[in-house]
Amino acid sequence: MDWKEESVTDEEEKLFEAVITPHSYLINKSIKSINFRHLFDQVLVVGIRHRAGLFDTLLSKATLKPGDILLLRASEESIQSVDKSEDLLLISARKVVNLNKTQVIMTLSTLALVIGLAAFGVFPITLTAVAGAIFMIILRSISRMKHTRRLTGK
């Protein structure tokens, strides 16, 4: 069974963090060489963090080291293969929040308009900032950001 975005509903989809254990089979291997999605029941690696920082190569080609933190995207059911593994230690889970593209565009446009009107001296920054904040409340952009932070724990 191939992993497809359509096969996982928004309610089931989450981001998980897992650490590569010191004696893991995955050490010195790449995501591609071990066929990670098949090895761990349709779990997708979407990011890797090494002690020195983020990898600057393709995820599929990055060589894994002990202590690397993998950002994984999976359903609760699929992540059980990682949880049962001795190669990875599951450390956290976060719900994936799908953003409304129209709302993101409207929010960014509002921000650009606020800055532009103030920068060109059309209106004072206080007036444009207050008007922009009110417009973002009407759009519910501000309450959505608070909701997103609550879900991700930030």
Protein backbone atom coordinates (compact mmCIF):
# COMPACT_ATOMS: atom_id res chain seq x y z
CA MET A 1 0.00 0.00 0.00
CA ASP A 2 1.50 3.36 -1.05
CA TRP A 3 1.27 6.35 1.26
CA LYS A 4 -1.01 9.04 -0.11
CA GLU A 5 -2.14 12.26 1.54
CA GLU A 6 -5.75 11.36 0.74
CA SER A 7 -5.48 8.15 2.76
CA VAL A 8 -4.93 10.05 6.03
CA THR A 9 -7.62 12.41 7.25
CA ASP A 10 -6.76 15.73 8.89
CA GLU A 11 -7.95 14.41 12.26
CA GLU A 12 -5.58 11.43 12.13
CA GLU A 13 -2.49 13.16 10.79
CA LYS A 14 0.16 14.30 13.26
CA LEU A 15 3.79 15.29 13.44
CA PHE A 16 6.01 13.21 15.70
CA GLU A 17 9.59 13.61 16.86
CA ALA A 18 11.82 10.60 17.33
CA VAL A 19 15.48 10.30 18.35
CA ILE A 20 17.87 7.78 16.79
CA THR A 21 19.10 5.55 19.62
CA PRO A 22 22.83 4.90 20.20
CA HIS A 23 22.78 1.30 18.90
CA SER A 24 20.25 1.83 16.12
CA TYR A 25 20.31 -0.12 12.86
CA LEU A 26 19.73 3.25 11.12
CA ILE A 27 23.12 4.74 12.06
CA ASN A 28 25.30 5.67 9.05
CA LYS A 29 22.45 4.92 6.65
CA SER A 30 20.28 7.27 4.60
CA ILE A 31 16.49 7.50 4.60
CA LYS A 32 16.45 6.32 0.99
CA SER A 33 18.85 3.39 1.45
CA ILE A 34 16.76 1.86 4.24
CA ASN A 35 13.43 2.56 2.49
CA PHE A 36 12.13 4.28 5.65
CA ARG A 37 8.44 4.46 4.66
CA HIS A 38 8.27 0.70 4.13
CA LEU A 39 10.41 -0.13 7.15
CA PHE A 40 8.19 1.95 9.44
CA ASP A 41 4.65 1.36 8.12
CA GLN A 42 4.09 4.42 5.91
CA VAL A 43 5.77 6.91 8.28
CA LEU A 44 7.20 9.86 6.33
CA VAL A 45 10.36 11.73 7.38
CA VAL A 46 9.79 15.46 6.83
CA GLY A 47 12.83 16.82 8.68
CA ILE A 48 16.07 15.86 10.39
CA ARG A 49 17.89 17.80 13.10
CA HIS A 50 21.48 16.95 14.00
CA ARG A 51 23.34 18.31 17.02
CA ALA A 52 25.21 20.69 14.72
CA GLY A 53 21.93 22.02 13.27
CA LEU A 54 19.64 21.25 10.38
CA PHE A 55 20.88 19.17 7.46
CA ASP A 56 21.61 21.13 4.32
CA THR A 57 21.35 18.14 1.98
CA LEU A 58 18.34 16.27 0.65
CA LEU A 59 16.60 14.37 3.43
CA SER A 60 16.73 11.14 1.48
CA LYS A 61 20.55 11.38 1.18
CA ALA A 62 21.37 12.54 4.73
CA THR A 63 23.42 10.05 6.75
CA LEU A 64 21.78 9.36 10.10
CA LYS A 65 23.74 9.58 13.36
CA PRO A 66 22.92 8.66 16.98
CA GLY A 67 21.00 11.50 18.62
CA ASP A 68 19.57 12.85 15.37
CA ILE A 69 15.97 13.94 15.76
CA LEU A 70 13.61 12.95 12.98
CA LEU A 71 10.42 14.89 12.33
CA LEU A 72 7.88 12.30 11.21
CA ARG A 73 4.43 12.64 9.65
CA ALA A 74 2.07 9.74 10.27
CA SER A 75 -1.25 8.59 11.59
CA GLU A 76 -1.59 7.31 15.15
CA GLU A 77 -1.85 3.80 13.75
CA SER A 78 1.26 4.06 11.56
CA ILE A 79 3.45 5.58 14.27
CA GLN A 80 3.09 2.41 16.34
CA SER A 81 5.80 0.81 14.20
CA VAL A 82 8.21 3.53 15.37
CA ASP A 83 7.06 3.26 18.98
CA LYS A 84 7.75 -0.49 18.98
CA SER A 85 11.18 -0.10 17.39
CA GLU A 86 14.41 -0.11 19.38
CA ASP A 87 16.04 2.00 16.64
CA LEU A 88 14.00 5.13 17.38
CA LEU A 89 12.71 6.68 20.60
CA LEU A 90 9.43 8.55 20.14
CA ILE A 91 9.64 11.81 22.10
CA SER A 92 6.64 13.96 21.11
CA ALA A 93 3.59 14.36 18.92
CA ARG A 94 1.89 17.42 17.44
CA LYS A 95 -1.32 17.72 15.48
CA VAL A 96 -0.82 18.91 11.91
CA VAL A 97 -2.74 22.11 11.26
CA ASN A 98 -3.71 22.67 7.64
CA LEU A 99 -3.85 26.37 6.92
CA ASN A 100 -6.50 27.99 4.76
CA LYS A 101 -4.57 29.38 1.75
CA THR A 102 -7.04 32.21 1.19
CA GLN A 103 -6.76 33.31 4.81
CA VAL A 104 -2.94 33.17 4.68
CA ILE A 105 -2.92 35.33 1.54
CA MET A 106 -5.35 37.82 3.12
CA THR A 107 -3.27 38.01 6.30
CA LEU A 108 0.00 38.55 4.43
CA SER A 109 -1.65 41.14 2.18
CA THR A 110 -2.96 43.00 5.24
CA LEU A 111 0.53 43.02 6.76
CA ALA A 112 2.07 44.29 3.52
CA LEU A 113 -0.60 46.99 3.21
CA VAL A 114 -0.06 48.15 6.82
CA ILE A 115 3.70 48.41 6.29
CA GLY A 116 3.37 49.96 2.83
CA LEU A 117 0.88 52.66 3.83
CA ALA A 118 3.02 53.63 6.81
CA ALA A 119 6.32 53.47 4.92
CA PHE A 120 5.08 55.80 2.15
CA GLY A 121 3.59 58.22 4.68
CA VAL A 122 0.01 57.76 3.51
CA PHE A 123 -1.16 57.17 7.09
CA PRO A 124 0.64 57.11 10.46
CA ILE A 125 1.92 53.68 11.57
CA THR A 126 -0.36 53.68 14.64
CA LEU A 127 -3.45 54.10 12.48
CA THR A 128 -2.46 51.47 9.92
CA ALA A 129 -1.38 49.00 12.64
CA VAL A 130 -4.68 49.33 14.53
CA ALA A 131 -6.68 49.06 11.29
CA GLY A 132 -4.63 46.00 10.26
CA ALA A 133 -5.15 44.36 13.66
CA ILE A 134 -8.90 44.96 13.49
CA PHE A 135 -9.04 43.54 9.96
CA MET A 136 -7.08 40.45 11.06
CA ILE A 137 -9.54 39.94 13.95
CA ILE A 138 -12.41 40.13 11.45
CA LEU A 139 -10.58 37.57 9.27
CA ARG A 140 -10.04 35.47 12.41
CA SER A 141 -6.32 35.28 11.58
CA ILE A 142 -5.30 36.24 15.09
CA SER A 143 -7.54 33.70 16.83
CA ARG A 144 -6.32 31.02 14.37
CA MET A 145 -2.70 31.75 15.29
CA LYS A 146 -3.52 31.38 18.98
CA HIS A 147 -5.27 28.08 18.23
CA THR A 148 -2.25 26.84 16.25
CA ARG A 149 0.12 27.69 19.09
CA ARG A 150 -2.06 25.83 21.56
CA LEU A 151 -2.01 22.69 19.40
CA THR A 152 1.73 22.71 18.82
CA GLY A 153 2.64 23.58 22.38
CA LYS A 154 4.52 26.75 21.40
